[in-house]
Every structure is written in structure tokens, then in C-alpha cells.
């Protein structure tokens, strides 16, 4: 079983977005985070610490975002539900 480390990511002084509150580091070797957000994360938010595959849960709007860019240039892509019932 993998140990989950809980810690705060480095402070990103270049953005004022929502993705910096009570976060969980899921995979330290790849900088994959589970982020608690109160709005949609902006591209560039998480530069230098949010690796590819990091997830941001926007609890204000009920949306899930995945970081699909690079560690140096984050791009947050919303997951859209399809199909079902």
C-alpha cells in the first residue's frame, strides 16, 4: 500500500487561483496532487509543483479538472460526464 503524504504545495505567488487549500500529495515521485478548489483552476496555476495527472475538485461548481500540461506549464482540463443511466 502506498503512503499518502498530506502537505501544502509550494506557494505560487504568480497566481491568485483557488487551487491551494487542503491538498493531498498522491504520488511524490511524479508530483501528482489531489486539490480542493473553490472554483476552476486557471492554466498556469500549479506551475512547478502540480504534475501531469493531478486532479482539482471544484466543490463550488461540482466539476473535476485534470492537469494535462507539463510540470512547468500546467493546463487544467475539465472532465465532462457522458453516457450513464
Protein backbone atom coordinates (compact mmCIF):
# COMPACT_ATOMS: atom_id res chain seq x y z
CA UNK A 1 0.00 0.00 0.00
CA UNK A 2 1.24 3.45 -0.91
CA UNK A 3 1.52 6.01 1.86
CA UNK A 4 -0.28 9.28 1.18
CA UNK A 5 1.59 12.34 2.40
CA UNK A 6 -0.51 15.37 3.29
CA UNK A 7 1.23 18.69 2.88
CA UNK A 8 0.75 22.06 1.30
CA UNK A 9 2.21 22.69 -2.16
CA UNK A 10 4.72 25.50 -2.64
CA UNK A 11 3.06 28.91 -2.64
CA UNK A 12 2.55 30.21 -6.17
CA UNK A 13 2.88 33.99 -5.84
CA UNK A 14 2.21 34.47 -9.56
CA UNK A 15 -1.44 33.41 -9.46
CA UNK A 16 -4.38 34.11 -7.23
CA UNK A 17 -6.42 31.00 -8.07
CA UNK A 18 -8.40 28.58 -5.96
CA UNK A 19 -6.17 25.50 -6.04
CA UNK A 20 -4.18 25.97 -2.84
CA UNK A 21 -6.22 24.73 0.11
CA UNK A 22 -6.02 21.38 1.96
CA UNK A 23 -4.30 19.37 -0.75
CA UNK A 24 -3.02 15.79 -0.78
CA UNK A 25 0.18 14.61 -2.47
CA UNK A 26 -0.84 11.28 -4.07
CA UNK A 27 2.37 10.37 -5.90
CA UNK A 28 5.55 12.14 -4.71
CA UNK A 29 7.69 10.68 -7.50
CA UNK A 30 5.51 12.37 -10.15
CA UNK A 31 4.19 15.38 -8.20
CA UNK A 32 0.57 14.20 -8.55
CA UNK A 33 -1.79 16.11 -6.29
CA UNK A 34 -5.46 15.94 -5.33
CA UNK A 35 -6.50 19.57 -4.91
CA UNK A 36 -9.50 21.06 -3.15
CA UNK A 37 -10.66 24.10 -5.14
CA UNK A 38 -13.46 26.59 -4.71
CA UNK A 39 -13.53 27.44 -8.40
CA UNK A 40 -11.98 26.37 -11.66
CA UNK A 41 -8.16 26.29 -11.57
CA UNK A 42 -6.53 28.59 -14.10
CA UNK A 43 -3.94 27.36 -16.57
CA UNK A 44 -0.54 28.13 -15.07
CA UNK A 45 -1.79 27.54 -11.53
CA UNK A 46 0.47 24.88 -10.07
CA UNK A 47 3.44 25.58 -12.35
CA UNK A 48 6.47 23.84 -10.87
CA UNK A 49 4.60 21.55 -8.46
CA UNK A 50 1.39 20.08 -9.99
CA UNK A 51 2.46 17.20 -12.22
CA UNK A 52 0.57 15.62 -15.10
CA UNK A 53 -2.43 13.70 -13.79
CA UNK A 54 -3.01 15.96 -10.78
CA UNK A 55 -6.71 16.45 -10.06
CA UNK A 56 -8.57 19.51 -8.84
CA UNK A 57 -12.06 19.12 -7.40
CA UNK A 58 -14.08 22.31 -7.81
CA UNK A 59 -16.55 21.85 -4.97
CA UNK A 60 -18.30 25.15 -5.70
CA UNK A 61 -19.40 24.06 -9.18
CA UNK A 62 -19.23 20.26 -8.92
CA UNK A 63 -16.54 19.82 -11.57
CA UNK A 64 -13.36 17.77 -11.77
CA UNK A 65 -10.22 19.00 -13.55
CA UNK A 66 -7.10 17.08 -14.60
CA UNK A 67 -3.70 18.65 -15.16
CA UNK A 68 -2.82 17.71 -18.76
CA UNK A 69 0.05 20.11 -19.45
CA UNK A 70 3.60 19.84 -18.16
CA UNK A 71 5.09 20.37 -14.73
CA UNK A 72 6.44 23.73 -15.93
CA UNK A 73 3.26 24.85 -17.75
CA UNK A 74 0.07 23.48 -16.22
CA UNK A 75 -3.12 23.10 -18.27
CA UNK A 76 -6.32 22.21 -16.42
CA UNK A 77 -8.86 20.23 -18.46
CA UNK A 78 -12.40 19.72 -17.16
CA UNK A 79 -13.82 16.19 -17.09
CA UNK A 80 -17.24 16.17 -18.74
CA UNK A 81 -19.68 13.43 -17.79
CA UNK A 82 -21.19 11.46 -20.64
CA UNK A 83 -23.44 8.46 -21.05
CA UNK A 84 -24.90 6.91 -17.96
CA UNK A 85 -28.30 5.69 -16.91
